[in-house]
Structure formats: C-alpha cells, structure tokens
Protein backbone atom coordinates (compact mmCIF):
# COMPACT_ATOMS: atom_id res chain seq x y z
CA UNK A 1 110.65 101.09 82.64
CA UNK A 2 108.23 102.57 85.19
CA UNK A 3 105.25 100.21 85.62
CA UNK A 4 102.13 100.89 87.65
CA UNK A 5 99.91 97.87 88.37
CA UNK A 6 96.37 98.89 89.30
CA UNK A 7 94.35 96.14 90.92
CA UNK A 8 91.41 95.75 93.29
CA UNK A 9 93.27 93.00 95.20
CA UNK A 10 96.76 91.56 95.50
CA UNK A 11 98.71 89.18 97.71
CA UNK A 12 99.91 89.38 100.37
CA UNK A 13 97.52 92.16 101.35
CA UNK A 14 94.05 91.02 100.30
CA UNK A 15 92.67 88.18 98.22
CA UNK A 16 89.42 86.71 96.96
CA UNK A 17 90.76 84.89 93.89
CA UNK A 18 93.46 84.42 91.27
CA UNK A 19 93.59 88.13 90.40
CA UNK A 20 95.28 88.77 93.75
CA UNK A 21 97.90 86.08 93.12
CA UNK A 22 98.71 87.47 89.68
CA UNK A 23 98.99 91.12 90.74
CA UNK A 24 101.13 90.42 93.79
CA UNK A 25 103.37 87.79 92.16
CA UNK A 26 103.94 89.84 89.01
CA UNK A 27 104.99 92.86 91.05
CA UNK A 28 107.48 90.72 92.94
CA UNK A 29 108.96 89.28 89.74
CA UNK A 30 109.25 92.69 88.09
CA UNK A 31 111.05 94.00 91.14
CA UNK A 32 113.46 91.06 90.97
CA UNK A 33 114.33 92.21 87.47
CA UNK A 34 115.00 95.72 88.85
CA UNK A 35 112.08 97.24 86.99
CA UNK A 36 110.56 100.35 88.59
CA UNK A 37 107.26 98.65 89.30
CA UNK A 38 104.71 99.45 91.96
CA UNK A 39 101.17 98.52 92.85
CA UNK A 40 98.07 100.56 93.73
CA UNK A 41 95.24 99.10 95.83
CA UNK A 42 92.15 100.37 97.64
CA UNK A 43 92.77 100.50 101.38
CA UNK A 44 90.24 97.99 102.65
CA UNK A 45 89.49 97.61 106.34
CA UNK A 46 91.15 94.19 106.40
CA UNK A 47 94.44 95.66 105.14
CA UNK A 48 94.28 98.47 107.70
CA UNK A 49 93.85 95.99 110.52
CA UNK A 50 96.65 93.66 109.40
CA UNK A 51 99.49 95.88 108.14
CA UNK A 52 101.52 98.82 109.34
CA UNK A 53 101.28 101.48 106.66
CA UNK A 54 102.81 104.91 106.28
CA UNK A 55 100.92 108.11 105.53
CA UNK A 56 102.37 110.01 102.59
CA UNK A 57 100.63 113.23 103.60
CA UNK A 58 99.07 113.39 100.14
CA UNK A 59 95.35 113.85 99.64
CA UNK A 60 93.35 113.32 96.46
CA UNK A 61 89.80 114.31 95.68
CA UNK A 62 87.49 113.25 92.88
CA UNK A 63 84.17 114.73 91.89
CA UNK A 64 81.63 111.91 91.57
CA UNK A 65 78.38 113.36 90.28
CA UNK A 66 77.28 115.96 92.81
CA UNK A 67 79.57 114.71 95.61
CA UNK A 68 83.32 115.03 96.04
CA UNK A 69 85.10 112.03 97.56
CA UNK A 70 88.45 112.39 99.21
CA UNK A 71 91.17 109.83 99.65
CA UNK A 72 94.43 109.72 101.56
CA UNK A 73 97.46 107.95 100.12
CA UNK A 74 99.34 105.44 102.25
CA UNK A 75 102.50 103.52 101.44
CA UNK A 76 103.78 100.06 102.32
CA UNK A 77 107.14 101.55 103.34
CA UNK A 78 108.83 104.89 103.77
CA UNK A 79 111.10 106.33 101.12
CA UNK A 80 111.33 106.18 97.35
CA UNK A 81 111.57 102.39 97.14
CA UNK A 82 107.94 101.84 98.14
CA UNK A 83 106.36 98.88 96.34
CA UNK A 84 102.67 99.41 97.10
CA UNK A 85 100.44 102.44 97.56
CA UNK A 86 96.97 102.38 99.08
CA UNK A 87 94.07 104.75 98.56
CA UNK A 88 92.05 105.28 101.71
CA UNK A 89 88.38 106.22 101.54
CA UNK A 90 86.56 104.61 104.44
CA UNK A 91 83.16 105.54 103.02
CA UNK A 92 83.87 103.20 100.10
CA UNK A 93 86.38 100.60 101.35
CA UNK A 94 86.00 100.41 105.14
CA UNK A 95 83.92 97.23 104.99
CA UNK A 96 84.21 93.60 106.00
CA UNK A 97 84.41 92.27 102.42
CA UNK A 98 85.82 93.49 99.11
CA UNK A 99 82.90 93.29 96.68
CA UNK A 100 79.92 92.08 98.66
CA UNK A 101 78.60 89.39 100.99
CA UNK A 102 77.17 85.92 100.24
CA UNK A 103 73.81 87.70 99.97
CA UNK A 104 74.99 89.77 97.01
CA UNK A 105 77.27 92.53 95.71
CA UNK A 106 77.50 95.89 97.44
CA UNK A 107 74.94 98.16 95.72
CA UNK A 108 77.47 101.00 95.34
CA UNK A 109 80.21 98.99 93.61
CA UNK A 110 79.97 101.22 90.54
CA UNK A 111 80.75 104.27 92.67
CA UNK A 112 83.52 102.45 94.58
CA UNK A 113 85.52 101.38 91.53
CA UNK A 114 84.83 104.34 89.25
CA UNK A 115 86.36 106.34 92.08
CA UNK A 116 89.30 103.93 92.26
CA UNK A 117 90.02 104.24 88.53
CA UNK A 118 90.13 108.04 88.83
CA UNK A 119 92.07 107.83 92.09
CA UNK A 120 94.83 105.74 90.46
CA UNK A 121 95.57 108.61 88.08
CA UNK A 122 95.17 111.26 90.75
CA UNK A 123 97.70 109.34 92.85
CA UNK A 124 100.22 109.63 90.01
CA UNK A 125 99.68 113.38 89.92
CA UNK A 126 99.90 113.74 93.71
CA UNK A 127 103.10 111.69 93.97
CA UNK A 128 104.55 113.08 90.71
CA UNK A 129 104.85 109.66 89.11
CA UNK A 130 105.08 109.39 85.32
CA UNK A 131 104.37 105.75 84.46
CA UNK A 132 105.51 104.33 81.14
CA UNK A 133 102.67 101.81 81.33
CA UNK A 134 99.66 101.33 83.57
CA UNK A 135 98.71 97.68 83.85
CA UNK A 136 94.97 97.51 84.58
CA UNK A 137 93.18 94.40 85.80
CA UNK A 138 89.52 93.47 85.26
CA UNK A 139 86.51 95.76 85.36
CA UNK A 140 87.45 97.44 88.65
CA UNK A 141 90.23 99.39 86.87
CA UNK A 142 88.90 99.25 83.30
CA UNK A 143 88.13 102.98 83.10
CA UNK A 144 91.82 103.94 83.43
CA UNK A 145 92.64 103.39 79.70
CA UNK A 146 89.61 105.49 78.72
CA UNK A 147 90.54 108.25 81.16
CA UNK A 148 94.06 108.36 79.72
CA UNK A 149 92.54 109.12 76.33
CA UNK A 150 89.95 111.63 77.59
CA UNK A 151 90.01 113.42 80.94
CA UNK A 152 93.80 113.14 81.36
CA UNK A 153 94.96 113.27 77.75
CA UNK A 154 96.44 116.76 78.14
CA UNK A 155 98.35 116.02 81.33
CA UNK A 156 102.14 116.09 80.92
CA UNK A 157 102.40 113.26 83.46
CA UNK A 158 100.65 110.87 81.08
CA UNK A 159 101.94 112.16 77.74
CA UNK A 160 103.92 108.95 77.20
CA UNK A 161 101.83 106.56 79.30
CA UNK A 162 100.44 103.46 77.60
CA UNK A 163 97.98 100.93 79.00
CA UNK A 164 97.68 97.17 79.13
CA UNK A 165 94.35 95.68 80.20
CA UNK A 166 94.26 92.13 81.57
CA UNK A 167 91.03 90.14 81.50
CA UNK A 168 91.17 87.65 84.34
CA UNK A 169 87.55 86.57 83.98
CA UNK A 170 85.22 87.92 81.29
CA UNK A 171 82.25 86.62 83.25
CA UNK A 172 82.55 89.58 85.62
CA UNK A 173 82.16 92.80 83.66
CA UNK A 174 81.02 95.51 86.04
CA UNK A 175 77.54 96.04 84.57
CA UNK A 176 75.47 98.77 86.21
CA UNK A 177 72.46 100.98 85.67
CA UNK A 178 73.02 103.85 83.24
CA UNK A 179 72.60 106.29 86.15
CA UNK A 180 76.16 105.32 87.24
CA UNK A 181 77.49 107.16 84.17
CA UNK A 182 77.26 110.42 86.13
CA UNK A 183 80.06 109.23 88.42
CA UNK A 184 82.50 108.79 85.53
CA UNK A 185 82.83 112.47 84.59
CA UNK A 186 82.22 111.43 80.98
CA UNK A 187 79.51 112.73 78.68
CA UNK A 188 76.45 110.94 77.39
CA UNK A 189 78.26 110.42 74.06
CA UNK A 190 80.09 107.48 75.65
CA UNK A 191 76.83 105.67 76.32
CA UNK A 192 76.60 104.10 72.87
CA UNK A 193 77.11 100.48 71.69
CA UNK A 194 80.56 101.34 70.30
CA UNK A 195 81.62 102.53 73.75
CA UNK A 196 80.24 101.77 77.24
CA UNK A 197 76.59 100.91 76.50
CA UNK A 198 75.68 97.23 76.83
CA UNK A 199 72.03 96.24 76.31
CA UNK A 200 70.85 99.41 78.01
CA UNK A 201 73.34 99.15 80.86
CA UNK A 202 76.73 100.68 81.62
CA UNK A 203 79.52 98.13 81.11
CA UNK A 204 82.83 99.15 82.70
CA UNK A 205 84.74 96.18 81.28
CA UNK A 206 84.15 97.55 77.78
CA UNK A 207 86.22 100.63 78.61
CA UNK A 208 89.32 98.49 79.08
CA UNK A 209 88.60 96.31 76.06
CA UNK A 210 88.01 99.22 73.69
CA UNK A 211 90.48 101.85 74.88
CA UNK A 212 93.54 100.01 76.23
CA UNK A 213 96.54 100.00 73.91
CA UNK A 214 96.85 96.22 74.29
CA UNK A 215 94.79 93.49 75.95
CA UNK A 216 95.75 90.15 77.37
CA UNK A 217 94.09 87.34 79.17
CA UNK A 218 95.57 84.63 81.33
CA UNK A 219 95.97 81.72 78.92
CA UNK A 220 96.24 81.23 75.17
CA UNK A 221 93.18 79.01 74.95
CA UNK A 222 91.03 81.47 76.90
CA UNK A 223 92.15 84.28 74.57
CA UNK A 224 90.68 82.24 71.71
CA UNK A 225 87.58 81.09 73.60
CA UNK A 226 86.37 84.58 74.52
CA UNK A 227 86.13 85.44 70.83
CA UNK A 228 83.34 82.85 70.59
CA UNK A 229 79.73 83.38 71.63
CA UNK A 230 79.84 80.43 74.06
CA UNK A 231 82.49 82.07 76.24
CA UNK A 232 82.20 85.74 75.30
CA UNK A 233 79.36 86.76 77.65
CA UNK A 234 78.04 89.14 75.00
CA UNK A 235 81.46 90.71 74.35
CA UNK A 236 82.77 88.19 71.83
CA UNK A 237 82.24 90.75 69.05
CA UNK A 238 84.39 93.28 70.92
CA UNK A 239 87.07 90.63 71.44
CA UNK A 240 87.09 89.77 67.73
CA UNK A 241 87.34 93.47 66.93
CA UNK A 242 90.49 93.69 69.08
CA UNK A 243 91.86 90.28 68.05
CA UNK A 244 95.10 91.76 66.70
CA UNK A 245 95.72 93.42 70.07
CA UNK A 246 94.74 90.41 72.20
CA UNK A 247 97.34 88.08 73.72
CA UNK A 248 97.36 85.13 76.10
CA UNK A 249 99.89 84.94 78.92
CA UNK A 250 99.65 81.96 81.22
CA UNK A 251 99.66 82.70 84.93
CA UNK A 252 102.44 81.33 87.10
CA UNK A 253 102.57 80.36 90.75
CA UNK A 254 104.89 81.42 93.52
CA UNK A 255 107.08 78.45 94.35
CA UNK A 256 108.40 80.20 97.45
CA UNK A 257 104.89 79.80 98.87
CA UNK A 258 103.87 76.56 97.15
CA UNK A 259 106.62 73.98 97.42
CA UNK A 260 106.22 70.72 99.39
CA UNK A 261 109.98 70.54 99.90
CA UNK A 262 109.88 73.56 102.23
CA UNK A 263 106.22 74.00 103.16
CA UNK A 264 105.92 74.56 106.91
CA UNK A 265 102.13 74.11 106.89
CA UNK A 266 102.28 70.39 106.03
CA UNK A 267 103.17 67.48 108.36
CA UNK A 268 106.15 66.29 106.28
CA UNK A 269 108.14 67.85 103.45
CA UNK A 270 108.86 65.94 100.24
CA UNK A 271 109.96 66.28 96.62
CA UNK A 272 109.60 64.44 93.33
CA UNK A 273 112.55 62.20 94.22
CA UNK A 274 110.93 60.83 97.35
CA UNK A 275 107.18 60.73 98.04
CA UNK A 276 107.38 59.30 101.56
CA UNK A 277 106.48 62.70 102.99
CA UNK A 278 103.35 62.82 100.82
CA UNK A 279 102.28 59.46 102.25
CA UNK A 280 102.53 60.95 105.75
CA UNK A 281 100.62 64.06 104.66
CA UNK A 282 97.90 61.87 103.19
CA UNK A 283 97.53 59.83 106.37
CA UNK A 284 97.28 62.94 108.54
CA UNK A 285 94.71 64.53 106.20
CA UNK A 286 92.53 61.42 106.27
CA UNK A 287 92.60 61.52 110.06
CA UNK A 288 91.73 65.21 110.09
CA UNK A 289 88.82 64.61 107.71
CA UNK A 290 87.70 61.60 109.79
CA UNK A 291 87.52 59.30 106.77
CA UNK A 292 86.39 55.82 107.69
CA UNK A 293 88.58 54.09 105.09
CA UNK A 294 91.94 55.75 104.68
CA UNK A 295 92.98 53.39 101.88
CA UNK A 296 90.41 54.89 99.49
CA UNK A 297 91.68 57.56 97.06
CA UNK A 298 91.21 61.16 98.18
CA UNK A 299 89.93 63.79 95.74
CA UNK A 300 89.90 67.46 96.71
CA UNK A 301 88.15 70.62 95.59
CA UNK A 302 89.60 73.97 96.69
CA UNK A 303 87.46 76.54 94.96
CA UNK A 304 85.05 79.40 94.99
CA UNK A 305 81.66 77.72 95.23
CA UNK A 306 79.96 79.05 92.12
CA UNK A 307 78.40 77.70 88.95
CA UNK A 308 81.48 78.75 86.94
CA UNK A 309 83.58 76.28 88.92
CA UNK A 310 81.38 73.34 87.94
CA UNK A 311 80.12 72.60 91.43
CA UNK A 312 76.76 71.59 89.92
CA UNK A 313 78.49 68.64 88.26
CA UNK A 314 80.00 67.65 91.59
CA UNK A 315 76.74 67.96 93.52
CA UNK A 316 74.94 65.89 90.89
CA UNK A 317 77.66 63.24 91.07
CA UNK A 318 78.36 62.93 94.79
CA UNK A 319 76.66 59.57 95.29
CA UNK A 320 78.32 58.19 92.16
CA UNK A 321 81.75 59.42 93.24
CA UNK A 322 81.31 57.83 96.65
CA UNK A 323 80.13 54.58 95.03
CA UNK A 324 83.24 54.61 92.83
CA UNK A 325 85.32 54.58 96.00
CA UNK A 326 86.39 58.20 96.45
CA UNK A 327 86.81 60.12 99.66
CA UNK A 328 86.05 63.77 98.94
CA UNK A 329 87.25 67.04 100.49
CA UNK A 330 85.62 70.40 99.71
CA UNK A 331 87.30 73.61 100.86
CA UNK A 332 85.87 76.95 99.78
CA UNK A 333 83.17 79.53 100.06
CA UNK A 334 80.84 81.26 97.66
CA UNK A 335 77.15 81.29 96.85
CA UNK A 336 75.06 80.61 99.94
CA UNK A 337 72.96 77.91 98.24
CA UNK A 338 76.04 75.88 97.33
CA UNK A 339 77.50 76.28 100.81
CA UNK A 340 74.30 74.88 102.33
CA UNK A 341 74.14 71.95 99.90
CA UNK A 342 77.73 70.87 100.49
CA UNK A 343 77.29 71.10 104.26
CA UNK A 344 74.15 68.98 104.04
CA UNK A 345 75.85 66.35 101.87
CA UNK A 346 78.83 66.21 104.24
CA UNK A 347 76.50 65.49 107.16
CA UNK A 348 74.62 62.80 105.23
CA UNK A 349 77.82 61.12 104.01
CA UNK A 350 79.98 61.62 107.07
CA UNK A 351 83.20 59.64 106.93
CA UNK A 352 83.36 59.96 103.14
CA UNK A 353 82.93 63.70 102.53
CA UNK A 354 84.63 66.46 104.49
CA UNK A 355 83.47 70.05 103.91
CA UNK A 356 85.06 73.22 105.24
CA UNK A 357 83.16 76.38 104.31
CA UNK A 358 85.53 79.34 104.20
CA UNK A 359 89.19 79.55 103.32
CA UNK A 360 91.98 78.62 105.71
CA UNK A 361 95.51 78.99 104.35
CA UNK A 362 97.15 76.23 106.37
CA UNK A 363 94.32 73.79 105.64
CA UNK A 364 94.62 74.48 101.90
CA UNK A 365 98.31 73.50 102.03
CA UNK A 366 97.48 70.30 103.90
CA UNK A 367 94.75 69.42 101.40
CA UNK A 368 97.00 69.97 98.38
CA UNK A 369 99.71 67.83 99.97
CA UNK A 370 97.51 65.03 101.30
CA UNK A 371 95.16 64.44 98.38
CA UNK A 372 95.61 62.03 95.48
CA UNK A 373 93.47 63.90 92.95
CA UNK A 374 92.35 67.50 92.45
CA UNK A 375 88.95 68.06 90.86
CA UNK A 376 88.35 71.12 88.60
CA UNK A 377 85.22 70.56 86.47
CA UNK A 378 84.95 74.25 85.52
CA UNK A 379 82.33 75.51 83.11
CA UNK A 380 85.10 77.83 81.91
CA UNK A 381 88.49 78.60 83.46
CA UNK A 382 90.56 81.56 82.21
CA UNK A 383 93.73 80.07 83.68
CA UNK A 384 93.27 78.35 87.01
CA UNK A 385 95.89 78.24 89.72
CA UNK A 386 94.59 75.27 91.70
CA UNK A 387 95.74 72.70 89.15
CA UNK A 388 99.21 74.28 89.01
CA UNK A 389 99.59 74.14 92.79
CA UNK A 390 98.16 70.62 92.96
CA UNK A 391 100.68 69.32 90.43
CA UNK A 392 103.58 70.81 92.40
CA UNK A 393 102.35 68.74 95.36
CA UNK A 394 102.04 65.54 93.32
CA UNK A 395 98.25 65.72 93.36
CA UNK A 396 96.87 64.76 89.96
CA UNK A 397 94.24 67.05 88.38
CA UNK A 398 90.94 65.81 86.96
CA UNK A 399 89.61 68.73 84.96
CA UNK A 400 87.44 69.95 82.13
CA UNK A 401 89.33 70.73 78.93
CA UNK A 402 88.80 74.48 78.81
CA UNK A 403 90.88 77.67 79.06
CA UNK A 404 94.05 77.39 81.10
CA UNK A 405 93.19 73.85 82.16
CA UNK A 406 93.61 72.75 78.54
CA UNK A 407 96.90 74.66 78.31
CA UNK A 408 98.48 73.28 81.48
CA UNK A 409 97.28 69.65 81.73
CA UNK A 410 98.33 66.90 79.33
CA UNK A 411 95.64 64.23 79.16
CA UNK A 412 96.86 60.87 80.45
CA UNK A 413 97.60 58.17 77.86
CA UNK A 414 96.88 54.72 79.31
CA UNK A 415 98.98 53.03 76.62
CA UNK A 416 102.19 55.01 77.12
CA UNK A 417 101.63 55.89 80.80
CA UNK A 418 102.31 59.55 80.07
CA UNK A 419 100.39 62.71 80.89
CA UNK A 420 99.78 65.03 83.81
CA UNK A 421 96.07 64.63 84.47
CA UNK A 422 92.68 63.52 83.23
CA UNK A 423 90.65 65.80 80.98
CA UNK A 424 87.03 65.69 79.82
CA UNK A 425 85.33 67.93 77.25
CA UNK A 426 81.54 67.79 77.66
CA UNK A 427 80.10 69.82 80.49
CA UNK A 428 78.10 66.99 82.01
CA UNK A 429 78.17 64.83 85.16
CA UNK A 430 78.71 61.73 83.00
CA UNK A 431 81.79 63.14 81.28
CA UNK A 432 83.28 64.11 84.61
CA UNK A 433 82.50 60.71 86.09
CA UNK A 434 84.21 58.98 83.15
CA UNK A 435 87.35 61.04 83.78
CA UNK A 436 87.26 60.01 87.43
CA UNK A 437 86.97 56.36 86.41
CA UNK A 438 90.02 56.72 84.17
CA UNK A 439 91.93 58.23 87.09
CA UNK A 440 90.90 55.42 89.42
CA UNK A 441 92.16 52.84 86.91
CA UNK A 442 95.63 54.32 87.31
CA UNK A 443 95.28 54.59 91.08
CA UNK A 444 94.72 50.84 91.38
CA UNK A 445 98.23 50.18 89.96
CA UNK A 446 100.59 51.52 92.60
CA UNK A 447 103.62 51.86 90.30
CA UNK A 448 101.65 53.77 87.66
CA UNK A 449 100.16 56.13 90.23
CA UNK A 450 103.57 56.81 91.76
CA UNK A 451 105.06 57.58 88.33
CA UNK A 452 102.16 59.90 87.51
CA UNK A 453 102.46 61.78 90.81
CA UNK A 454 106.20 62.16 90.25
CA UNK A 455 105.75 63.32 86.65
CA UNK A 456 103.25 66.06 87.52
CA UNK A 457 105.64 67.47 90.13
CA UNK A 458 108.29 68.08 87.45
CA UNK A 459 106.22 70.71 85.63
CA UNK A 460 107.52 74.26 85.86
CA UNK A 461 104.84 76.94 86.15
CA UNK A 462 107.02 79.58 87.80
CA UNK A 463 106.54 83.25 86.99
CA UNK A 464 109.81 83.70 85.05
CA UNK A 465 108.53 83.04 81.53
CA UNK A 466 105.23 84.85 82.12
CA UNK A 467 107.00 87.95 83.44
CA UNK A 468 109.15 88.17 80.33
CA UNK A 469 106.04 88.06 78.19
CA UNK A 470 104.43 90.86 80.24
CA UNK A 471 107.55 92.99 79.78
CA UNK A 472 107.33 92.36 76.05
CA UNK A 473 103.69 93.53 76.03
CA UNK A 474 104.57 96.61 78.07
CA UNK A 475 107.16 97.55 75.45
CA UNK A 476 104.76 96.81 72.62
CA UNK A 477 102.01 98.85 74.27
CA UNK A 478 104.44 101.78 74.53
CA UNK A 479 105.06 101.64 70.79
CA UNK A 480 101.31 101.42 70.16
CA UNK A 481 100.76 104.52 72.29
CA UNK A 482 103.30 106.42 70.17
CA UNK A 483 106.28 106.46 72.46
C-alpha cells in the first residue's frame, strides 16, 4: 500500500505539539512494516538550518487568487527510498515559528496552508506518485480530501486515491475571513453551511470532516465527546452526521526515545524492577530546581501553557498545592499572560516552585524521570502524550477524566491498591485539589507509592497496536472510495 502522510509538523524535523509525534512515529512504524509510506512537510526555516536536504529538481506552482506561488521540492535522502519530502516556499515558511508568535497567529496562515494542501497534490504529480491513501492531519491539510473530489477528480494519478482525515484537536479549526476563499480555487458554491461556511467565516477543518472518506481522532473517548456540544466547538452536528465514518485510535509513544532504562538525558537509568535510579534522578532534579525540602513530593507540568491545558486550575490552586506539601515544576511555553503569571509565582514562591519557560528536550527527560506526580488538569484532551511518557518513567499522573486521559489512566482504588493514576471529573480547582490529596495519601505510605510507580511503568502504549488500526482504516477508506 502506498501511503502519503500530509502534516504541518512531524518529529524529528519540527514540533510544536502531539501532532508532530504522531506523524513522525506513525511513518516510522509503517516503514517497519515495509509499507510504502512517506511524509510531506512544509520546509520551515528551522528545518533548513538543522538538516541536510536534497533538491529533487522539481518545481511546483499554484495559483492563489491573483498571485502564483512557486515551491521547490526537497527530499530527506537521495534515491527512491526517500521517507520525507519538503515543500520550499520561503515567502510562506521561511519564518522563526510555525504558526505564529506568543503575540498571535501569523495573519496569512490561510494562504500558507491552503497553498500547502494544493502543494501536497502537486508534489504527487511532479514526482509521479500515485498514493493509495492520503492521510491528512488537522486543519492545515484539511482541504486535500475536498480537492481530491473537485479540482483533481479527473487526474489519473488520484483515480484510486482515498483519504483519511485525523482530528488531533477540534479546538483548532482554521477559521478565516471569507475573503480567503479566493485562495482555494473553489467557487462560491462551497461557501454554504453544508460545506465550508461557518457562522459567516471560512472553516478549513470542515473540508476534512465533510469530504474525507473516513475520519478518526486520537482516542475513543474523544471521538464520542466531539459529538457533544460541550466538546464540539460548533462542529458537533457535523461529527454526528459523520458518526458512522468516525473512529478513535489511541496515540502511542516512541519507546526508543522515552525509556528510562536507556535514556541518556537522565542521571541514572532504571526500570520497573529496580527504582534506585529514579531515586537518584529525583535527588538531582530537586537540586536543579533548588527546592528547599527535597523530601516533599514533586509534581510536574510539561505542557503548552493555554487554557485548554487547565493551567487556570493550577494558577488558582498554587498556594493550596504548596500548603499541601508539594514542590512544583512547570516546563512549557504558550500564551504570554500565562508565561508571565507562572514566572511571577515562581519568584514569589522560590524554593517550592520551579518554572522554565520554553521547551528543552533534555530538561523534559529529567523532569519526567525525577518527578513523583504528573499533573494534567486539561479542560479537554484528545489523547495526551505527557501522561503516557510519565507512566513509562514511573511518574504517576493526576489528571482530569476526559478524552485520552480517561482512556489511558485507571483511577486508583485505595481499597485494593490498584490503578495507574488519580482522576477527577469536574473542571474546578477544588476537584483537582481533591485528586492531589488522594495522591498524597498514597505518597505517605512508601510501600504503596513504590507499588504504584512500578505498576504504571508496566503499561504498554507503544505504536504497534495503533499502527495496525491505522492500516485497517486505510484499507477501509480505499473500499469507501471505490477501489
């Protein structure tokens, strides 16, 4: 099967969130199974500066309104076995960030990713690739399924091409002013509620939801949640309309990267049979964070600092968490207001709160390894990777019962001493604080805490099972498309 994965980001090349982990890891797993899979990315400035790429000599051009944009195609390696192709257009992608700065999104994001959706298909034509399925991810590639059924429907290269559209986060839909429709090459007839119109705006996400052969999201619970008004962000009706074509596939994590038994970023390696190395990692982390009392339990947050991630609950609970006896580590970046508030709190509560604004790979590994608890109070969480990584490192999650968090964490039972974390349902500071108190009750009994840390490490969230499910959807999408 020939599989093209179209994504706006992917590891190891460029990353802002879980989308990158999924796209890059899935490609790797498909290749392991000897599938003819490859990836297409925009060629951002950061990729250019960090990787040696190879010019294919192929040029594409796309008419965008009254202007024609040109792109050159680069490859990750020479020859037919190339895994990743890149579309260069410095006018659109030669910037310091992917989607915007802390001050806001780039104002021409509609142009940038409408071009990318067209460019993905033009790349296939230029390189003479006939994909069996194009796997599109989030709003940045959502127009591809629609283009397959309209502008490219008569092309022999796509006569048997089906599409799968993955929703990684329905909260980000690619909503723009109607004037952006002129970039799409589509007529005004597509600006209706049954197509791309959304409360007077152009909604790119709707193209993927309405025109892809099949849809999936990144956990079973999230697939159900987004059919409800509370989680649907105005598209719950569309999701219900496509309910028969909607599937949940849980994300996995790459255990070659995230494994305390062979992690070179952490002070000492360890496994579920012996946690002595974790004790050393914990001690070193407490020293690095300059915690005054190293015996106190350490809770960590590694996250994008946004309202979706529940940071409001944390900010409203900081004094309570400190009073309960927690040391707290915050690692992440995001909305400028949250960055300022966490910095201010860290200064006021020095010795109890350590804040690092930004993302540092080696520090993230040390935090996962050296912490006792991992806090994820998300408003909603399509899947979540942080809790999966934390559990591999014997760091127990405290999380809201939503989306993938509900699917991957078994709430701890204080009577049977079983479970893999502490869940709370209400989105409130008090509910989160109660979950923390339950966790601290276990922490005070050394034998129970050691058993819990060991138990969470035994979970298997590798990509094997998820990849098989994606292959099944690819085959099913092919049948739906009439192959």
